[in-house]
C-alpha atoms as a PDB file:
ATOM      1  CA  MET A   1     -54.310 107.812 -37.880  1.00  0.00           C
ATOM      2  CA  SER A   2     -51.692 105.361 -37.916  1.00  0.00           C
ATOM      3  CA  GLY A   3     -49.653 104.273 -34.607  1.00  0.00           C
ATOM      4  CA  GLU A   4     -46.350 103.277 -34.398  1.00  0.00           C
ATOM      5  CA  LEU A   5     -44.733 101.379 -31.546  1.00  0.00           C
ATOM      6  CA  GLU A   6     -41.361 100.455 -30.999  1.00  0.00           C
ATOM      7  CA  MET A   7     -39.535  98.239 -28.552  1.00  0.00           C
ATOM      8  CA  THR A   8     -35.786  97.276 -28.133  1.00  0.00           C
ATOM      9  CA  ASN A   9     -33.919  95.565 -25.405  1.00  0.00           C
ATOM     10  CA  LEU A  10     -36.594  93.087 -24.878  1.00  0.00           C
ATOM     11  CA  HIS A  11     -35.377  89.639 -23.899  1.00  0.00           C
ATOM     12  CA  LEU A  12     -38.120  87.419 -25.126  1.00  0.00           C
ATOM     13  CA  LYS A  13     -37.321  83.631 -25.024  1.00  0.00           C
ATOM     14  CA  PRO A  14     -38.601  80.546 -26.520  1.00  0.00           C
ATOM     15  CA  GLY A  15     -42.089  79.777 -25.002  1.00  0.00           C
ATOM     16  CA  THR A  16     -43.029  83.514 -24.500  1.00  0.00           C
ATOM     17  CA  THR A  17     -46.298  84.916 -25.768  1.00  0.00           C
ATOM     18  CA  LEU A  18     -47.218  88.235 -26.799  1.00  0.00           C
ATOM     19  CA  LYS A  19     -50.940  89.491 -26.529  1.00  0.00           C
ATOM     20  CA  ILE A  20     -51.168  92.771 -28.812  1.00  0.00           C
ATOM     21  CA  LYS A  21     -54.674  94.581 -28.414  1.00  0.00           C
ATOM     22  CA  GLY A  22     -55.886  97.486 -30.238  1.00  0.00           C
ATOM     23  CA  ARG A  23     -57.816  99.282 -32.959  1.00  0.00           C
ATOM     24  CA  ILE A  24     -57.608  99.132 -36.839  1.00  0.00           C
ATOM     25  CA  ALA A  25     -57.871 102.696 -38.102  1.00  0.00           C
ATOM     26  CA  ASP A  26     -60.870 103.654 -40.371  1.00  0.00           C
ATOM     27  CA  GLY A  27     -59.399 103.286 -44.066  1.00  0.00           C
ATOM     28  CA  ALA A  28     -56.387 101.352 -43.050  1.00  0.00           C
ATOM     29  CA  ASP A  29     -54.586  99.364 -45.815  1.00  0.00           C
ATOM     30  CA  GLY A  30     -53.391  96.860 -43.129  1.00  0.00           C
ATOM     31  CA  PHE A  31     -50.716  96.657 -40.271  1.00  0.00           C
ATOM     32  CA  VAL A  32     -47.503  95.283 -39.481  1.00  0.00           C
ATOM     33  CA  ILE A  33     -46.006  93.358 -36.389  1.00  0.00           C
ATOM     34  CA  ASN A  34     -42.284  92.553 -36.285  1.00  0.00           C
ATOM     35  CA  LEU A  35     -40.434  90.324 -33.984  1.00  0.00           C
ATOM     36  CA  GLY A  36     -36.874  89.659 -34.149  1.00  0.00           C
ATOM     37  CA  GLN A  37     -33.438  91.269 -33.382  1.00  0.00           C
ATOM     38  CA  GLY A  38     -33.719  94.791 -34.953  1.00  0.00           C
ATOM     39  CA  THR A  39     -35.353  96.456 -37.943  1.00  0.00           C
ATOM     40  CA  ASP A  40     -33.214  94.014 -40.377  1.00  0.00           C
ATOM     41  CA  LYS A  41     -32.985  90.849 -38.629  1.00  0.00           C
ATOM     42  CA  LEU A  42     -36.674  89.794 -38.292  1.00  0.00           C
ATOM     43  CA  GLY A  43     -37.808  85.895 -37.261  1.00  0.00           C
ATOM     44  CA  LEU A  44     -41.687  87.371 -37.832  1.00  0.00           C
ATOM     45  CA  HIS A  45     -42.975  90.001 -39.984  1.00  0.00           C
ATOM     46  CA  PHE A  46     -46.665  89.892 -39.791  1.00  0.00           C
ATOM     47  CA  ASN A  47     -48.692  91.897 -42.170  1.00  0.00           C
ATOM     48  CA  PRO A  48     -52.242  91.599 -43.246  1.00  0.00           C
ATOM     49  CA  ARG A  49     -53.238  93.314 -46.028  1.00  0.00           C
ATOM     50  CA  PHE A  50     -56.733  94.669 -46.684  1.00  0.00           C
ATOM     51  CA  LYS A  51     -56.521  95.522 -50.169  1.00  0.00           C
ATOM     52  CA  GLU A  52     -55.267  92.063 -51.126  1.00  0.00           C
ATOM     53  CA  SER A  53     -57.532  90.159 -48.485  1.00  0.00           C
ATOM     54  CA  THR A  54     -54.131  88.267 -47.244  1.00  0.00           C
ATOM     55  CA  ILE A  55     -51.744  87.854 -44.656  1.00  0.00           C
ATOM     56  CA  VAL A  56     -48.183  87.892 -45.535  1.00  0.00           C
ATOM     57  CA  CYS A  57     -45.425  86.334 -43.091  1.00  0.00           C
ATOM     58  CA  ASN A  58     -41.916  86.799 -43.831  1.00  0.00           C
ATOM     59  CA  SER A  59     -38.417  86.733 -42.260  1.00  0.00           C
ATOM     60  CA  ARG A  60     -35.816  89.493 -42.689  1.00  0.00           C
ATOM     61  CA  ASP A  61     -32.020  89.034 -42.586  1.00  0.00           C
ATOM     62  CA  GLY A  62     -30.733  91.692 -44.432  1.00  0.00           C
ATOM     63  CA  SER A  63     -32.924  90.703 -47.166  1.00  0.00           C
ATOM     64  CA  TRP A  64     -36.587  89.655 -47.247  1.00  0.00           C
ATOM     65  CA  GLY A  65     -37.212  85.635 -47.512  1.00  0.00           C
ATOM     66  CA  LYS A  66     -39.772  83.839 -49.372  1.00  0.00           C
ATOM     67  CA  GLU A  67     -43.332  85.119 -48.449  1.00  0.00           C
ATOM     68  CA  HIS A  68     -45.936  82.815 -46.632  1.00  0.00           C
ATOM     69  CA  ARG A  69     -49.355  84.100 -47.665  1.00  0.00           C
ATOM     70  CA  ASP A  70     -52.744  83.020 -45.861  1.00  0.00           C
ATOM     71  CA  SER A  71     -56.093  83.977 -47.054  1.00  0.00           C
ATOM     72  CA  HIS A  72     -57.790  83.771 -43.723  1.00  0.00           C
ATOM     73  CA  LEU A  73     -58.359  87.297 -43.167  1.00  0.00           C
ATOM     74  CA  CYS A  74     -60.357  88.139 -40.174  1.00  0.00           C
ATOM     75  CA  PHE A  75     -59.310  91.834 -39.753  1.00  0.00           C
ATOM     76  CA  SER A  76     -61.329  94.809 -40.874  1.00  0.00           C
ATOM     77  CA  PRO A  77     -60.886  98.907 -40.514  1.00  0.00           C
ATOM     78  CA  GLY A  78     -62.621 100.379 -37.884  1.00  0.00           C
ATOM     79  CA  SER A  79     -62.578  97.631 -35.494  1.00  0.00           C
ATOM     80  CA  GLU A  80     -60.892  96.536 -32.042  1.00  0.00           C
ATOM     81  CA  THR A  81     -58.824  93.314 -32.684  1.00  0.00           C
ATOM     82  CA  LYS A  82     -56.636  91.207 -30.703  1.00  0.00           C
ATOM     83  CA  VAL A  83     -53.646  89.293 -31.930  1.00  0.00           C
ATOM     84  CA  THR A  84     -51.659  86.683 -29.855  1.00  0.00           C
ATOM     85  CA  LEU A  85     -48.050  85.574 -30.945  1.00  0.00           C
ATOM     86  CA  ALA A  86     -46.309  82.751 -29.380  1.00  0.00           C
ATOM     87  CA  PHE A  87     -42.620  82.315 -29.917  1.00  0.00           C
ATOM     88  CA  HIS A  88     -41.177  78.945 -29.744  1.00  0.00           C
ATOM     89  CA  SER A  89     -37.700  77.546 -30.870  1.00  0.00           C
ATOM     90  CA  ASP A  90     -38.877  76.197 -34.070  1.00  0.00           C
ATOM     91  CA  GLU A  91     -41.460  78.618 -34.970  1.00  0.00           C
ATOM     92  CA  PHE A  92     -44.116  81.203 -34.592  1.00  0.00           C
ATOM     93  CA  LYS A  93     -47.855  80.787 -33.670  1.00  0.00           C
ATOM     94  CA  VAL A  94     -50.124  83.189 -34.504  1.00  0.00           C
ATOM     95  CA  GLU A  95     -53.682  83.308 -32.985  1.00  0.00           C
ATOM     96  CA  LEU A  96     -56.119  85.821 -34.851  1.00  0.00           C
ATOM     97  CA  PRO A  97     -59.124  87.289 -33.388  1.00  0.00           C
ATOM     98  CA  ASP A  98     -61.448  84.286 -34.694  1.00  0.00           C
ATOM     99  CA  GLY A  99     -59.519  81.762 -32.857  1.00  0.00           C
ATOM    100  CA  TYR A 100     -57.857  81.016 -36.406  1.00  0.00           C
ATOM    101  CA  GLU A 101     -54.074  79.846 -35.893  1.00  0.00           C
ATOM    102  CA  LEU A 102     -51.643  80.402 -38.623  1.00  0.00           C
ATOM    103  CA  THR A 103     -47.886  79.279 -37.776  1.00  0.00           C
ATOM    104  CA  PHE A 104     -44.399  80.309 -39.538  1.00  0.00           C
ATOM    105  CA  PRO A 105     -41.161  78.735 -38.962  1.00  0.00           C
ATOM    106  CA  ASN A 106     -38.343  80.331 -37.158  1.00  0.00           C
ATOM    107  CA  ARG A 107     -36.230  80.236 -40.163  1.00  0.00           C
ATOM    108  CA  LEU A 108     -33.122  82.234 -38.604  1.00  0.00           C
ATOM    109  CA  GLY A 109     -33.158  80.195 -35.665  1.00  0.00           C
ATOM    110  CA  TYR A 110     -33.341  82.795 -32.817  1.00  0.00           C
ATOM    111  CA  SER A 111     -33.263  81.539 -29.495  1.00  0.00           C
ATOM    112  CA  HIS A 112     -34.056  84.885 -27.914  1.00  0.00           C
ATOM    113  CA  LEU A 113     -35.939  88.280 -29.540  1.00  0.00           C
ATOM    114  CA  SER A 114     -35.157  91.508 -28.428  1.00  0.00           C
ATOM    115  CA  TYR A 115     -37.121  93.772 -30.796  1.00  0.00           C
ATOM    116  CA  LEU A 116     -40.580  94.473 -31.397  1.00  0.00           C
ATOM    117  CA  SER A 117     -42.456  97.263 -33.571  1.00  0.00           C
ATOM    118  CA  VAL A 118     -46.111  97.700 -34.751  1.00  0.00           C
ATOM    119  CA  LYS A 119     -46.874  99.864 -37.568  1.00  0.00           C
ATOM    120  CA  GLY A 120     -49.296 101.315 -39.638  1.00  0.00           C
ATOM    121  CA  GLY A 121     -53.050 100.954 -39.051  1.00  0.00           C
ATOM    122  CA  LEU A 122     -52.907  99.388 -35.646  1.00  0.00           C
ATOM    123  CA  GLN A 123     -53.389 101.830 -32.762  1.00  0.00           C
ATOM    124  CA  VAL A 124     -51.839  99.650 -29.781  1.00  0.00           C
ATOM    125  CA  SER A 125     -54.241  99.817 -26.596  1.00  0.00           C
ATOM    126  CA  SER A 126     -52.373  96.976 -24.755  1.00  0.00           C
ATOM    127  CA  LEU A 127     -49.546  94.776 -24.814  1.00  0.00           C
ATOM    128  CA  LYS A 128     -49.077  91.977 -22.491  1.00  0.00           C
ATOM    129  CA  LEU A 129     -45.967  89.187 -22.124  1.00  0.00           C
ATOM    130  CA  LYS A 130     -46.465  85.863 -20.645  1.00  0.00           C
END
């Protein structure tokens, strides 16, 4: 079973940290966490892909930007997981469950985020904003 969570009208400012906990479905191919100002305006598209053993990060402003790939995949189907996303004026920092950190530039220069979605094989059990 795959989950889907979508939140709009958020007002996240630089310095905000978002902790997402959940369970990755058995047999999941991956999942997606999107942060931005709408479905077509994403400052961060975070997409672990199990079949490719990679994490793809991207931005979207009507069309996709250049993919950033990282082969540090520490997620597995059927497991509990936690992802921490920090929003800064110049970049996004994503802390993976094993403590590894990856950064992705704030290409679109967002000074606030109003949209969050979690799709695919991640069933969210808790969400914390700090």
